[in-house]
Amino acid sequence: MYELIIIVGLAGLIFFALTAITYNIIVYHRNKVFRSFSQIDVQLKRRCDLIETLISFVKGYIIYESEVLASLAKARSEALGARKISDKQAAETDLTNRLSSFLIVVEKYPELKAQEVFRRLFDDIISTENRIAFARQFYNDEVTTFNTIIEKFPVNVLAAFIDVKPEELFWITVLSEKLVPKLKL
């Protein structure tokens, strides 16, 4: 009788230990996903700040293009306000499209493109686009790892029990590689 109690007790202890370890693995990887997304957020905020500076700088040069500037400013504001990943993806893609349209308009203003401040801002935006792409790749790698972990047996049993859902990958459109060579700064 005592042997049965000891065996059941040991089995319960082992089950509890394995459950705790599995839970901690889920928490660890979920936190890595959140932390890696915060790196994307930092770069997206940096890009929005650069775009705000760019808009302020070019206002005096492209007087007749106020609707392009207004749409870029509106897209920037929406990108900053987006919270959910799907909303952020849509807002950032729209912002990239508006920025692309803006840069095409800039082609009409050689005196603007010749300005050192504009060139530096443009270089900073391109550099930030590269940082966004790197952060997005890192985030998507973390999400893939997390999703794989919570989908494998026996972790999937605990994940389903505590209602852990797979995370979304983050896909946004970045400035076209074809656009960069077209701009002659």
Foldseek 3Di string as FASTA:
>chain_A
DVVVVVVVVVVVVVVVVVLVVLVVVLVVLVVVLVVLVVQLVVLLVVLLVLLVVLLVVCCVPCVPPVVLSVQLNVLSVQCVVDDDLVSNQVSQQSNQVSVLVVLVVCLVGVVQVPDPVNVVSVVVNVVSLVSSVVSLVSSQVSLVVSVVSCVDPPNVVSCVVVVPDRDDRHDHDHHDPVSVVVDDD
